Amino acid sequence: IVMGGFMFGPLAAFMLAGITALVEMVTVSGTGPWGMLMNWV
């Protein structure tokens, strides 16, 4: 995620963090929306 931010800027890093957190919530995470929020933050 931070490499994506290095290449395309801070907003890209923020978006990549959100996308990854969403995918993690619906796949490997068992903490639901709270876990997604924590991962995104």
Full PDB file with SEQRES, HELIX, SHEET, SSBOND, CRYST1, ORIGX, SCALE, CONECT and MASTER records, all heavy atoms in Angstrom:
SEQRES   1 A   41  ILE VAL MET GLY GLY PHE MET PHE GLY PRO LEU ALA ALA          
SEQRES   2 A   41  PHE MET LEU ALA GLY ILE THR ALA LEU VAL GLU MET VAL          
SEQRES   3 A   41  THR VAL SER GLY THR GLY PRO TRP GLY MET LEU MET ASN          
SEQRES   4 A   41  TRP VAL                                                      
HELIX    1 AA1 VAL A    2  PHE A    8  1                                   7    
HELIX    2 AA2 PRO A   10  VAL A   26  1                                  17    
HELIX    3 AA3 GLY A   32  TRP A   40  1                                   9    
CRYST1    1.000    1.000    1.000  90.00  90.00  90.00 P 1           1          
ORIGX1      1.000000  0.000000  0.000000        0.00000                         
ORIGX2      0.000000  1.000000  0.000000        0.00000                         
ORIGX3      0.000000  0.000000  1.000000        0.00000                         
SCALE1      1.000000  0.000000  0.000000        0.00000                         
SCALE2      0.000000  1.000000  0.000000        0.00000                         
SCALE3      0.000000  0.000000  1.000000        0.00000                         
ATOM      1  N   ILE A   1       0.828  -1.210   0.000  1.00  0.00           N  
ATOM      2  CA  ILE A   1       0.000   0.000   0.000  1.00  0.00           C  
ATOM      3  C   ILE A   1       0.860   1.256   0.000  1.00  0.00           C  
ATOM      4  O   ILE A   1       0.607   2.207  -0.747  1.00  0.00           O  
ATOM      5  CB  ILE A   1      -0.960  -0.009   1.209  1.00  0.00           C  
ATOM      6  CG1 ILE A   1      -1.990  -1.132   1.050  1.00  0.00           C  
ATOM      7  CG2 ILE A   1      -1.654   1.343   1.368  1.00  0.00           C  
ATOM      8  CD1 ILE A   1      -2.853  -1.354   2.279  1.00  0.00           C  
ATOM      9  N   VAL A   2       1.904   1.270   0.820  1.00  0.00           N  
ATOM     10  CA  VAL A   2       2.757   2.463   0.879  1.00  0.00           C  
ATOM     11  C   VAL A   2       3.554   2.631  -0.414  1.00  0.00           C  
ATOM     12  O   VAL A   2       3.835   3.752  -0.842  1.00  0.00           O  
ATOM     13  CB  VAL A   2       3.678   2.414   2.114  1.00  0.00           C  
ATOM     14  CG1 VAL A   2       4.855   1.461   1.923  1.00  0.00           C  
ATOM     15  CG2 VAL A   2       4.194   3.812   2.443  1.00  0.00           C  
ATOM     16  N   MET A   3       3.890   1.530  -1.076  1.00  0.00           N  
ATOM     17  CA  MET A   3       4.552   1.635  -2.375  1.00  0.00           C  
ATOM     18  C   MET A   3       3.629   2.276  -3.405  1.00  0.00           C  
ATOM     19  O   MET A   3       4.054   3.087  -4.231  1.00  0.00           O  
ATOM     20  CB  MET A   3       5.013   0.254  -2.841  1.00  0.00           C  
ATOM     21  CG  MET A   3       6.216  -0.274  -2.085  1.00  0.00           C  
ATOM     22  SD  MET A   3       6.532  -2.029  -2.411  1.00  0.00           S  
ATOM     23  CE  MET A   3       6.606  -2.056  -4.190  1.00  0.00           C  
ATOM     24  N   GLY A   4       2.350   1.912  -3.361  1.00  0.00           N  
ATOM     25  CA  GLY A   4       1.376   2.547  -4.238  1.00  0.00           C  
ATOM     26  C   GLY A   4       1.285   4.037  -3.959  1.00  0.00           C  
ATOM     27  O   GLY A   4       1.146   4.850  -4.880  1.00  0.00           O  
ATOM     28  N   GLY A   5       1.378   4.396  -2.689  1.00  0.00           N  
ATOM     29  CA  GLY A   5       1.386   5.804  -2.320  1.00  0.00           C  
ATOM     30  C   GLY A   5       2.620   6.527  -2.824  1.00  0.00           C  
ATOM     31  O   GLY A   5       2.539   7.685  -3.255  1.00  0.00           O  
ATOM     32  N   PHE A   6       3.760   5.865  -2.773  1.00  0.00           N  
ATOM     33  CA  PHE A   6       4.991   6.460  -3.299  1.00  0.00           C  
ATOM     34  C   PHE A   6       4.861   6.738  -4.800  1.00  0.00           C  
ATOM     35  O   PHE A   6       5.324   7.763  -5.292  1.00  0.00           O  
ATOM     36  CB  PHE A   6       6.173   5.525  -3.053  1.00  0.00           C  
ATOM     37  CG  PHE A   6       6.759   5.630  -1.677  1.00  0.00           C  
ATOM     38  CD1 PHE A   6       6.219   6.467  -0.717  1.00  0.00           C  
ATOM     39  CD2 PHE A   6       7.873   4.877  -1.329  1.00  0.00           C  
ATOM     40  CE1 PHE A   6       6.763   6.568   0.554  1.00  0.00           C  
ATOM     41  CE2 PHE A   6       8.442   4.974  -0.069  1.00  0.00           C  
ATOM     42  CZ  PHE A   6       7.881   5.819   0.877  1.00  0.00           C  
ATOM     43  N   MET A   7       4.244   5.824  -5.517  1.00  0.00           N  
ATOM     44  CA  MET A   7       4.140   5.963  -6.970  1.00  0.00           C  
ATOM     45  C   MET A   7       3.072   6.950  -7.398  1.00  0.00           C  
ATOM     46  O   MET A   7       3.271   7.723  -8.340  1.00  0.00           O  
ATOM     47  CB  MET A   7       3.875   4.592  -7.606  1.00  0.00           C  
ATOM     48  CG  MET A   7       5.078   3.670  -7.613  1.00  0.00           C  
ATOM     49  SD  MET A   7       4.799   2.167  -8.588  1.00  0.00           S  
ATOM     50  CE  MET A   7       3.773   1.227  -7.486  1.00  0.00           C  
ATOM     51  N   PHE A   8       1.920   6.949  -6.702  1.00  0.00           N  
ATOM     52  CA  PHE A   8       0.780   7.714  -7.190  1.00  0.00           C  
ATOM     53  C   PHE A   8       0.246   8.750  -6.212  1.00  0.00           C  
ATOM     54  O   PHE A   8      -0.741   9.419  -6.521  1.00  0.00           O  
ATOM     55  CB  PHE A   8      -0.345   6.760  -7.586  1.00  0.00           C  
ATOM     56  CG  PHE A   8       0.039   5.826  -8.696  1.00  0.00           C  
ATOM     57  CD1 PHE A   8       0.259   4.474  -8.448  1.00  0.00           C  
ATOM     58  CD2 PHE A   8       0.211   6.292  -9.987  1.00  0.00           C  
ATOM     59  CE1 PHE A   8       0.620   3.615  -9.466  1.00  0.00           C  
ATOM     60  CE2 PHE A   8       0.571   5.439 -11.015  1.00  0.00           C  
ATOM     61  CZ  PHE A   8       0.780   4.095 -10.763  1.00  0.00           C  
ATOM     62  N   GLY A   9       0.854   8.873  -5.049  1.00  0.00           N  
ATOM     63  CA  GLY A   9       0.466   9.935  -4.143  1.00  0.00           C  
ATOM     64  C   GLY A   9      -0.362   9.490  -2.947  1.00  0.00           C  
ATOM     65  O   GLY A   9      -0.833   8.353  -2.878  1.00  0.00           O  
ATOM     66  N   PRO A  10      -0.567  10.407  -1.992  1.00  0.00           N  
ATOM     67  CA  PRO A  10      -1.272  10.089  -0.743  1.00  0.00           C  
ATOM     68  C   PRO A  10      -2.709   9.628  -0.928  1.00  0.00           C  
ATOM     69  O   PRO A  10      -3.164   8.744  -0.221  1.00  0.00           O  
ATOM     70  CB  PRO A  10      -1.221  11.414   0.031  1.00  0.00           C  
ATOM     71  CG  PRO A  10      -0.095  12.175  -0.575  1.00  0.00           C  
ATOM     72  CD  PRO A  10      -0.041  11.784  -2.003  1.00  0.00           C  
ATOM     73  N   LEU A  11      -3.420  10.248  -1.868  1.00  0.00           N  
ATOM     74  CA  LEU A  11      -4.814   9.850  -2.071  1.00  0.00           C  
ATOM     75  C   LEU A  11      -4.902   8.412  -2.562  1.00  0.00           C  
ATOM     76  O   LEU A  11      -5.797   7.652  -2.154  1.00  0.00           O  
ATOM     77  CB  LEU A  11      -5.495  10.793  -3.068  1.00  0.00           C  
ATOM     78  CG  LEU A  11      -6.986  10.555  -3.300  1.00  0.00           C  
ATOM     79  CD1 LEU A  11      -7.757  10.617  -1.987  1.00  0.00           C  
ATOM     80  CD2 LEU A  11      -7.549  11.563  -4.298  1.00  0.00           C  
ATOM     81  N   ALA A  12      -3.978   8.016  -3.431  1.00  0.00           N  
ATOM     82  CA  ALA A  12      -3.942   6.630  -3.906  1.00  0.00           C  
ATOM     83  C   ALA A  12      -3.691   5.682  -2.738  1.00  0.00           C  
ATOM     84  O   ALA A  12      -4.300   4.606  -2.661  1.00  0.00           O  
ATOM     85  CB  ALA A  12      -2.860   6.461  -4.972  1.00  0.00           C  
ATOM     86  N   ALA A  13      -2.797   6.063  -1.820  1.00  0.00           N  
ATOM     87  CA  ALA A  13      -2.522   5.236  -0.641  1.00  0.00           C  
ATOM     88  C   ALA A  13      -3.783   5.077   0.201  1.00  0.00           C  
ATOM     89  O   ALA A  13      -4.090   3.979   0.688  1.00  0.00           O  
ATOM     90  CB  ALA A  13      -1.399   5.864   0.185  1.00  0.00           C  
ATOM     91  N   PHE A  14      -4.537   6.169   0.370  1.00  0.00           N  
ATOM     92  CA  PHE A  14      -5.771   6.134   1.153  1.00  0.00           C  
ATOM     93  C   PHE A  14      -6.793   5.200   0.511  1.00  0.00           C  
ATOM     94  O   PHE A  14      -7.461   4.412   1.194  1.00  0.00           O  
ATOM     95  CB  PHE A  14      -6.334   7.548   1.271  1.00  0.00           C  
ATOM     96  CG  PHE A  14      -7.517   7.666   2.192  1.00  0.00           C  
ATOM     97  CD1 PHE A  14      -7.341   7.686   3.564  1.00  0.00           C  
ATOM     98  CD2 PHE A  14      -8.801   7.773   1.693  1.00  0.00           C  
ATOM     99  CE1 PHE A  14      -8.426   7.805   4.432  1.00  0.00           C  
ATOM    100  CE2 PHE A  14      -9.897   7.881   2.541  1.00  0.00           C  
ATOM    101  CZ  PHE A  14      -9.702   7.905   3.906  1.00  0.00           C  
ATOM    102  N   MET A  15      -6.911   5.282  -0.808  1.00  0.00           N  
ATOM    103  CA  MET A  15      -7.867   4.430  -1.527  1.00  0.00           C  
ATOM    104  C   MET A  15      -7.444   2.966  -1.503  1.00  0.00           C  
ATOM    105  O   MET A  15      -8.280   2.077  -1.303  1.00  0.00           O  
ATOM    106  CB  MET A  15      -7.997   4.919  -2.967  1.00  0.00           C  
ATOM    107  CG  MET A  15      -8.630   6.300  -3.090  1.00  0.00           C  
ATOM    108  SD  MET A  15      -8.574   6.947  -4.776  1.00  0.00           S  
ATOM    109  CE  MET A  15      -9.537   5.708  -5.640  1.00  0.00           C  
ATOM    110  N   LEU A  16      -6.154   2.700  -1.693  1.00  0.00           N  
ATOM    111  CA  LEU A  16      -5.658   1.323  -1.632  1.00  0.00           C  
ATOM    112  C   LEU A  16      -5.906   0.716  -0.256  1.00  0.00           C  
ATOM    113  O   LEU A  16      -6.270  -0.450  -0.138  1.00  0.00           O  
ATOM    114  CB  LEU A  16      -4.169   1.281  -1.969  1.00  0.00           C  
ATOM    115  CG  LEU A  16      -3.780   1.443  -3.431  1.00  0.00           C  
ATOM    116  CD1 LEU A  16      -2.261   1.586  -3.569  1.00  0.00           C  
ATOM    117  CD2 LEU A  16      -4.272   0.255  -4.258  1.00  0.00           C  
ATOM    118  N   ALA A  17      -5.708   1.529   0.788  1.00  0.00           N  
ATOM    119  CA  ALA A  17      -5.956   1.054   2.151  1.00  0.00           C  
ATOM    120  C   ALA A  17      -7.415   0.655   2.323  1.00  0.00           C  
ATOM    121  O   ALA A  17      -7.730  -0.371   2.933  1.00  0.00           O  
ATOM    122  CB  ALA A  17      -5.573   2.133   3.160  1.00  0.00           C  
ATOM    123  N   GLY A  18      -8.335   1.463   1.770  1.00  0.00           N  
ATOM    124  CA  GLY A  18      -9.754   1.161   1.888  1.00  0.00           C  
ATOM    125  C   GLY A  18     -10.161  -0.076   1.111  1.00  0.00           C  
ATOM    126  O   GLY A  18     -10.926  -0.909   1.609  1.00  0.00           O  
ATOM    127  N   ILE A  19      -9.648  -0.205  -0.108  1.00  0.00           N  
ATOM    128  CA  ILE A  19      -9.975  -1.370  -0.936  1.00  0.00           C  
ATOM    129  C   ILE A  19      -9.496  -2.656  -0.265  1.00  0.00           C  
ATOM    130  O   ILE A  19     -10.215  -3.650  -0.182  1.00  0.00           O  
ATOM    131  CB  ILE A  19      -9.353  -1.231  -2.334  1.00  0.00           C  
ATOM    132  CG1 ILE A  19     -10.020  -0.077  -3.102  1.00  0.00           C  
ATOM    133  CG2 ILE A  19      -9.478  -2.530  -3.121  1.00  0.00           C  
ATOM    134  CD1 ILE A  19      -9.297   0.298  -4.375  1.00  0.00           C  
ATOM    135  N   THR A  20      -8.253  -2.625   0.223  1.00  0.00           N  
ATOM    136  CA  THR A  20      -7.690  -3.809   0.869  1.00  0.00           C  
ATOM    137  C   THR A  20      -8.451  -4.165   2.136  1.00  0.00           C  
ATOM    138  O   THR A  20      -8.702  -5.344   2.415  1.00  0.00           O  
ATOM    139  CB  THR A  20      -6.207  -3.577   1.195  1.00  0.00           C  
ATOM    140  OG1 THR A  20      -5.519  -3.136   0.027  1.00  0.00           O  
ATOM    141  CG2 THR A  20      -5.552  -4.850   1.706  1.00  0.00           C  
ATOM    142  N   ALA A  21      -8.837  -3.157   2.914  1.00  0.00           N  
ATOM    143  CA  ALA A  21      -9.602  -3.402   4.140  1.00  0.00           C  
ATOM    144  C   ALA A  21     -10.953  -4.026   3.827  1.00  0.00           C  
ATOM    145  O   ALA A  21     -11.421  -4.924   4.540  1.00  0.00           O  
ATOM    146  CB  ALA A  21      -9.784  -2.090   4.904  1.00  0.00           C  
ATOM    147  N   LEU A  22     -11.587  -3.572   2.743  1.00  0.00           N  
ATOM    148  CA  LEU A  22     -12.886  -4.135   2.355  1.00  0.00           C  
ATOM    149  C   LEU A  22     -12.753  -5.594   1.937  1.00  0.00           C  
ATOM    150  O   LEU A  22     -13.539  -6.452   2.364  1.00  0.00           O  
ATOM    151  CB  LEU A  22     -13.479  -3.321   1.206  1.00  0.00           C  
ATOM    152  CG  LEU A  22     -14.804  -3.825   0.624  1.00  0.00           C  
ATOM    153  CD1 LEU A  22     -15.897  -3.836   1.696  1.00  0.00           C  
ATOM    154  CD2 LEU A  22     -15.235  -2.984  -0.565  1.00  0.00           C  
ATOM    155  N   VAL A  23     -11.734  -5.891   1.128  1.00  0.00           N  
ATOM    156  CA  VAL A  23     -11.516  -7.267   0.689  1.00  0.00           C  
ATOM    157  C   VAL A  23     -11.189  -8.158   1.888  1.00  0.00           C  
ATOM    158  O   VAL A  23     -11.679  -9.292   1.990  1.00  0.00           O  
ATOM    159  CB  VAL A  23     -10.377  -7.335  -0.356  1.00  0.00           C  
ATOM    160  CG1 VAL A  23     -10.024  -8.786  -0.687  1.00  0.00           C  
ATOM    161  CG2 VAL A  23     -10.783  -6.592  -1.629  1.00  0.00           C  
ATOM    162  N   GLU A  24     -10.391  -7.642   2.811  1.00  0.00           N  
ATOM    163  CA  GLU A  24     -10.042  -8.428   3.998  1.00  0.00           C  
ATOM    164  C   GLU A  24     -11.282  -8.738   4.827  1.00  0.00           C  
ATOM    165  O   GLU A  24     -11.419  -9.842   5.374  1.00  0.00           O  
ATOM    166  CB  GLU A  24      -9.006  -7.670   4.835  1.00  0.00           C  
ATOM    167  CG  GLU A  24      -8.494  -8.451   6.021  1.00  0.00           C  
ATOM    168  CD  GLU A  24      -7.259  -7.828   6.652  1.00  0.00           C  
ATOM    169  OE1 GLU A  24      -6.827  -6.753   6.196  1.00  0.00           O  
ATOM    170  OE2 GLU A  24      -6.733  -8.428   7.609  1.00  0.00           O  
ATOM    171  N   MET A  25     -12.199  -7.778   4.921  1.00  0.00           N  
ATOM    172  CA  MET A  25     -13.414  -7.987   5.709  1.00  0.00           C  
ATOM    173  C   MET A  25     -14.251  -9.147   5.159  1.00  0.00           C  
ATOM    174  O   MET A  25     -14.810  -9.937   5.929  1.00  0.00           O  
ATOM    175  CB  MET A  25     -14.258  -6.711   5.727  1.00  0.00           C  
ATOM    176  CG  MET A  25     -15.535  -6.848   6.558  1.00  0.00           C  
ATOM    177  SD  MET A  25     -16.619  -5.401   6.473  1.00  0.00           S  
ATOM    178  CE  MET A  25     -17.272  -5.577   4.805  1.00  0.00           C  
ATOM    179  N   VAL A  26     -14.339  -9.254   3.834  1.00  0.00           N  
ATOM    180  CA  VAL A  26     -15.207 -10.276   3.238  1.00  0.00           C  
ATOM    181  C   VAL A  26     -14.466 -11.588   2.958  1.00  0.00           C  
ATOM    182  O   VAL A  26     -15.067 -12.524   2.425  1.00  0.00           O  
ATOM    183  CB  VAL A  26     -15.837  -9.753   1.926  1.00  0.00           C  
ATOM    184  CG1 VAL A  26     -16.679  -8.520   2.206  1.00  0.00           C  
ATOM    185  CG2 VAL A  26     -14.777  -9.442   0.881  1.00  0.00           C  
ATOM    186  N   THR A  27     -13.195 -11.658   3.333  1.00  0.00           N  
ATOM    187  CA  THR A  27     -12.443 -12.897   3.095  1.00  0.00           C  
ATOM    188  C   THR A  27     -11.891 -13.482   4.387  1.00  0.00           C  
ATOM    189  O   THR A  27     -12.499 -14.364   4.978  1.00  0.00           O  
ATOM    190  CB  THR A  27     -11.309 -12.652   2.083  1.00  0.00           C  
ATOM    191  OG1 THR A  27     -10.481 -11.559   2.532  1.00  0.00           O  
ATOM    192  CG2 THR A  27     -11.855 -12.328   0.699  1.00  0.00           C  
ATOM    193  N   VAL A  28     -10.757 -12.979   4.845  1.00  0.00           N  
ATOM    194  CA  VAL A  28     -10.054 -13.635   5.952  1.00  0.00           C  
ATOM    195  C   VAL A  28     -10.401 -13.087   7.330  1.00  0.00           C  
ATOM    196  O   VAL A  28     -10.130 -13.725   8.335  1.00  0.00           O  
ATOM    197  CB  VAL A  28      -8.518 -13.545   5.749  1.00  0.00           C  
ATOM    198  CG1 VAL A  28      -8.113 -14.261   4.482  1.00  0.00           C  
ATOM    199  CG2 VAL A  28      -8.052 -12.093   5.725  1.00  0.00           C  
ATOM    200  N   SER A  29     -10.984 -11.889   7.387  1.00  0.00           N  
ATOM    201  CA  SER A  29     -11.239 -11.275   8.685  1.00  0.00           C  
ATOM    202  C   SER A  29     -12.556 -11.748   9.275  1.00  0.00           C  
ATOM    203  O   SER A  29     -13.549 -11.936   8.554  1.00  0.00           O  
ATOM    204  CB  SER A  29     -11.253  -9.745   8.562  1.00  0.00           C  
ATOM    205  OG  SER A  29     -11.582  -9.142   9.806  1.00  0.00           O  
ATOM    206  N   GLY A  30     -12.567 -11.912  10.581  1.00  0.00           N  
ATOM    207  CA  GLY A  30     -13.793 -12.296  11.270  1.00  0.00           C  
ATOM    208  C   GLY A  30     -14.319 -11.190  12.158  1.00  0.00           C  
ATOM    209  O   GLY A  30     -15.193 -11.420  12.993  1.00  0.00           O  
ATOM    210  N   THR A  31     -13.805  -9.972  11.990  1.00  0.00           N  
ATOM    211  CA  THR A  31     -14.183  -8.868  12.868  1.00  0.00           C  
ATOM    212  C   THR A  31     -15.181  -7.914  12.225  1.00  0.00           C  
ATOM    213  O   THR A  31     -15.534  -6.900  12.825  1.00  0.00           O  
ATOM    214  CB  THR A  31     -12.926  -8.074  13.282  1.00  0.00           C  
ATOM    215  OG1 THR A  31     -12.198  -7.679  12.113  1.00  0.00           O  
ATOM    216  CG2 THR A  31     -12.027  -8.911  14.168  1.00  0.00           C  
ATOM    217  N   GLY A  32     -15.635  -8.208  11.021  1.00  0.00           N  
ATOM    218  CA  GLY A  32     -16.703  -7.436  10.397  1.00  0.00           C  
ATOM    219  C   GLY A  32     -16.336  -5.992  10.107  1.00  0.00           C  
ATOM    220  O   GLY A  32     -15.169  -5.644   9.914  1.00  0.00           O  
ATOM    221  N   PRO A  33     -17.358  -5.114  10.091  1.00  0.00           N  
ATOM    222  CA  PRO A  33     -17.119  -3.705   9.764  1.00  0.00           C  
ATOM    223  C   PRO A  33     -16.145  -3.017  10.709  1.00  0.00           C  
ATOM    224  O   PRO A  33     -15.392  -2.135  10.287  1.00  0.00           O  
ATOM    225  CB  PRO A  33     -18.522  -3.081   9.868  1.00  0.00           C  
ATOM    226  CG  PRO A  33     -19.462  -4.215   9.627  1.00  0.00           C  
ATOM    227  CD  PRO A  33     -18.795  -5.417  10.230  1.00  0.00           C  
ATOM    228  N   TRP A  34     -16.164  -3.401  11.990  1.00  0.00           N  
ATOM    229  CA  TRP A  34     -15.220  -2.795  12.925  1.00  0.00           C  
ATOM    230  C   TRP A  34     -13.786  -3.135  12.537  1.00  0.00           C  
ATOM    231  O   TRP A  34     -12.898  -2.280  12.587  1.00  0.00           O  
ATOM    232  CB  TRP A  34     -15.501  -3.259  14.349  1.00  0.00           C  
ATOM    233  CG  TRP A  34     -16.709  -2.646  14.964  1.00  0.00           C  
ATOM    234  CD1 TRP A  34     -17.858  -3.283  15.328  1.00  0.00           C  
ATOM    235  CD2 TRP A  34     -16.903  -1.269  15.279  1.00  0.00           C  
ATOM    236  NE1 TRP A  34     -18.760  -2.395  15.842  1.00  0.00           N  
ATOM    237  CE2 TRP A  34     -18.206  -1.150  15.837  1.00  0.00           C  
ATOM    238  CE3 TRP A  34     -16.115  -0.122  15.149  1.00  0.00           C  
ATOM    239  CZ2 TRP A  34     -18.721   0.080  16.261  1.00  0.00           C  
ATOM    240  CZ3 TRP A  34     -16.631   1.100  15.566  1.00  0.00           C  
ATOM    241  CH2 TRP A  34     -17.910   1.188  16.115  1.00  0.00           C  
ATOM    242  N   GLY A  35     -13.568  -4.382  12.157  1.00  0.00           N  
ATOM    243  CA  GLY A  35     -12.236  -4.776  11.723  1.00  0.00           C  
ATOM    244  C   GLY A  35     -11.823  -4.057  10.448  1.00  0.00           C  
ATOM    245  O   GLY A  35     -10.660  -3.648  10.289  1.00  0.00           O  
ATOM    246  N   MET A  36     -12.778  -3.872   9.525  1.00  0.00           N  
ATOM    247  CA  MET A  36     -12.481  -3.129   8.305  1.00  0.00           C  
ATOM    248  C   MET A  36     -12.070  -1.703   8.632  1.00  0.00           C  
ATOM    249  O   MET A  36     -11.103  -1.170   8.082  1.00  0.00           O  
ATOM    250  CB  MET A  36     -13.707  -3.120   7.384  1.00  0.00           C  
ATOM    251  CG  MET A  36     -13.512  -2.268   6.139  1.00  0.00           C  
ATOM    252  SD  MET A  36     -15.031  -2.009   5.207  1.00  0.00           S  
ATOM    253  CE  MET A  36     -14.493  -0.706   4.096  1.00  0.00           C  
ATOM    254  N   LEU A  37     -12.818  -1.062   9.533  1.00  0.00           N  
ATOM    255  CA  LEU A  37     -12.485   0.303   9.935  1.00  0.00           C  
ATOM    256  C   LEU A  37     -11.079   0.377  10.531  1.00  0.00           C  
ATOM    257  O   LEU A  37     -10.285   1.264  10.185  1.00  0.00           O  
ATOM    258  CB  LEU A  37     -13.512   0.810  10.944  1.00  0.00           C  
ATOM    259  CG  LEU A  37     -13.239   2.198  11.544  1.00  0.00           C  
ATOM    260  CD1 LEU A  37     -13.293   3.262  10.457  1.00  0.00           C  
ATOM    261  CD2 LEU A  37     -14.259   2.505  12.644  1.00  0.00           C  
ATOM    262  N   MET A  38     -10.767  -0.562  11.408  1.00  0.00           N  
ATOM    263  CA  MET A  38      -9.448  -0.581  12.037  1.00  0.00           C  
ATOM    264  C   MET A  38      -8.347  -0.786  11.004  1.00  0.00           C  
ATOM    265  O   MET A  38      -7.298  -0.117  11.048  1.00  0.00           O  
ATOM    266  CB  MET A  38      -9.390  -1.691  13.082  1.00  0.00           C  
ATOM    267  CG  MET A  38     -10.275  -1.468  14.284  1.00  0.00           C  
ATOM    268  SD  MET A  38      -9.596  -0.289  15.455  1.00  0.00           S  
ATOM    269  CE  MET A  38      -8.361  -1.319  16.248  1.00  0.00           C  
ATOM    270  N   ASN A  39      -8.578  -1.701  10.067  1.00  0.00           N  
ATOM    271  CA  ASN A  39      -7.569  -1.966   9.042  1.00  0.00           C  
ATOM    272  C   ASN A  39      -7.374  -0.759   8.130  1.00  0.00           C  
ATOM    273  O   ASN A  39      -6.243  -0.438   7.743  1.00  0.00           O  
ATOM    274  CB  ASN A  39      -7.981  -3.196   8.217  1.00  0.00           C  
ATOM    275  CG  ASN A  39      -7.797  -4.489   8.974  1.00  0.00           C  
ATOM    276  OD1 ASN A  39      -6.845  -4.645   9.729  1.00  0.00           O  
ATOM    277  ND2 ASN A  39      -8.709  -5.423   8.805  1.00  0.00           N  
ATOM    278  N   TRP A  40      -8.469  -0.109   7.772  1.00  0.00           N  
ATOM    279  CA  TRP A  40      -8.378   1.075   6.910  1.00  0.00           C  
ATOM    280  C   TRP A  40      -7.621   2.198   7.615  1.00  0.00           C  
ATOM    281  O   TRP A  40      -6.708   2.810   7.054  1.00  0.00           O  
ATOM    282  CB  TRP A  40      -9.782   1.535   6.527  1.00  0.00           C  
ATOM    283  CG  TRP A  40      -9.798   2.526   5.376  1.00  0.00           C  
ATOM    284  CD1 TRP A  40      -8.729   3.216   4.860  1.00  0.00           C  
ATOM    285  CD2 TRP A  40     -10.927   2.921   4.597  1.00  0.00           C  
ATOM    286  NE1 TRP A  40      -9.126   4.016   3.809  1.00  0.00           N  
ATOM    287  CE2 TRP A  40     -10.477   3.850   3.632  1.00  0.00           C  
ATOM    288  CE3 TRP A  40     -12.282   2.578   4.633  1.00  0.00           C  
ATOM    289  CZ2 TRP A  40     -11.333   4.451   2.707  1.00  0.00           C  
ATOM    290  CZ3 TRP A  40     -13.133   3.170   3.705  1.00  0.00           C  
ATOM    291  CH2 TRP A  40     -12.658   4.099   2.766  1.00  0.00           C  
ATOM    292  N   VAL A  41      -7.987   2.450   8.863  1.00  0.00           N  
ATOM    293  CA  VAL A  41      -7.333   3.522   9.620  1.00  0.00           C  
ATOM    294  C   VAL A  41      -5.847   3.239   9.792  1.00  0.00           C  
ATOM    295  O   VAL A  41      -4.999   4.119   9.592  1.00  0.00           O  
ATOM    296  CB  VAL A  41      -8.012   3.706  10.992  1.00  0.00           C  
ATOM    297  CG1 VAL A  41      -7.178   4.619  11.892  1.00  0.00           C  
ATOM    298  CG2 VAL A  41      -9.411   4.288  10.821  1.00  0.00           C  
TER     299      VAL A  41                                                      
MASTER        0    0    0    3    0    0    0    6  298    1    0    4          
END                                                                             
